[in-house]
Protein backbone atom coordinates (compact mmCIF):
# COMPACT_ATOMS: atom_id res chain seq x y z
CA MET A 1 68.36 62.05 80.95
CA ASN A 2 66.34 62.01 83.49
CA MET A 3 62.99 60.34 83.18
CA LEU A 4 60.57 63.85 82.22
CA GLN A 5 63.38 64.14 79.20
CA LYS A 6 63.44 60.94 77.74
CA ILE A 7 59.74 60.18 77.80
CA CYS A 8 59.02 63.84 76.41
CA LEU A 9 62.14 62.95 73.60
CA ILE A 10 59.10 59.68 72.62
CA PHE A 11 56.82 61.99 71.94
CA THR A 12 58.66 64.47 70.29
CA VAL A 13 59.31 62.01 67.55
CA ILE A 14 56.38 60.52 67.73
CA GLY A 15 54.72 64.00 66.83
CA ALA A 16 58.00 64.15 63.91
CA LEU A 17 56.61 60.06 62.39
CA ASN A 18 53.00 61.29 62.01
CA TRP A 19 53.55 64.75 60.39
CA GLY A 20 56.03 62.59 58.28
CA LEU A 21 53.02 59.62 57.39
CA ILE A 22 51.19 63.17 56.86
CA GLY A 23 53.90 64.91 54.44
CA LEU A 24 54.77 60.87 52.25
CA LEU A 25 51.34 59.42 52.61
CA ASP A 26 48.67 61.72 54.05
CA ILE A 27 47.74 58.95 56.37
CA ASN A 28 47.24 61.05 60.26
CA LEU A 29 47.84 57.27 63.00
CA VAL A 30 46.76 59.94 65.57
CA THR A 31 42.98 60.42 64.25
CA ALA A 32 43.16 56.78 63.05
CA LEU A 33 43.55 55.18 66.23
CA PHE A 34 41.67 58.07 68.09
CA GLY A 35 39.46 60.41 65.66
CA ASN A 36 38.81 63.16 64.36
CA ASP A 37 38.23 65.37 67.13
CA SER A 38 38.45 63.22 69.90
CA MET A 39 39.33 64.21 73.98
CA VAL A 40 41.21 62.02 73.28
CA THR A 41 43.40 62.84 69.87
CA ASN A 42 43.08 66.71 71.60
CA ALA A 43 44.90 65.74 74.75
CA THR A 44 47.53 63.70 72.21
CA TYR A 45 48.49 66.52 70.07
CA LEU A 46 48.35 68.94 73.55
CA LEU A 47 50.90 66.44 75.20
CA ILE A 48 53.11 66.61 71.90
CA GLY A 49 53.25 70.17 71.79
CA LEU A 50 54.15 69.98 75.57
CA CYS A 51 56.99 67.58 74.07
CA GLY A 52 58.09 69.66 72.66
CA LEU A 53 58.18 73.34 74.39
CA VAL A 54 60.07 71.26 77.44
CA ASN A 55 62.03 69.40 74.59
CA ILE A 56 63.33 73.34 73.44
CA TRP A 57 64.22 74.62 77.22
CA LEU A 58 66.27 71.24 77.30
CA ILE A 59 68.25 72.27 74.26
CA PHE A 60 68.59 75.40 75.39
CA THR A 61 69.63 74.89 79.55
CA ASN A 62 72.61 71.96 78.12
CA PHE A 63 73.52 75.01 75.71
CA ASN A 64 74.58 77.07 78.75
CA LYS A 65 76.08 74.24 81.05
CA HIS A 66 78.86 73.87 78.82
CA ASP A 67 79.92 76.95 77.97
CA GLU A 68 80.08 77.34 81.63
CA LYS A 69 82.94 74.90 81.93
């Protein structure tokens, strides 16, 4: 697992934990830390979303590598 994959995995887990807090306790940690509709909040959501897309891509590329063996 290279560094990009590890970073994307960390951000995806942070996003998942934030959604868990929203569902369980109705607490949005990102907006609590950075404010509602701030540029940092939007950038955080964008970064987590892009990392999720990278993780989706990694899933399919890893499946293809296992199929070739």
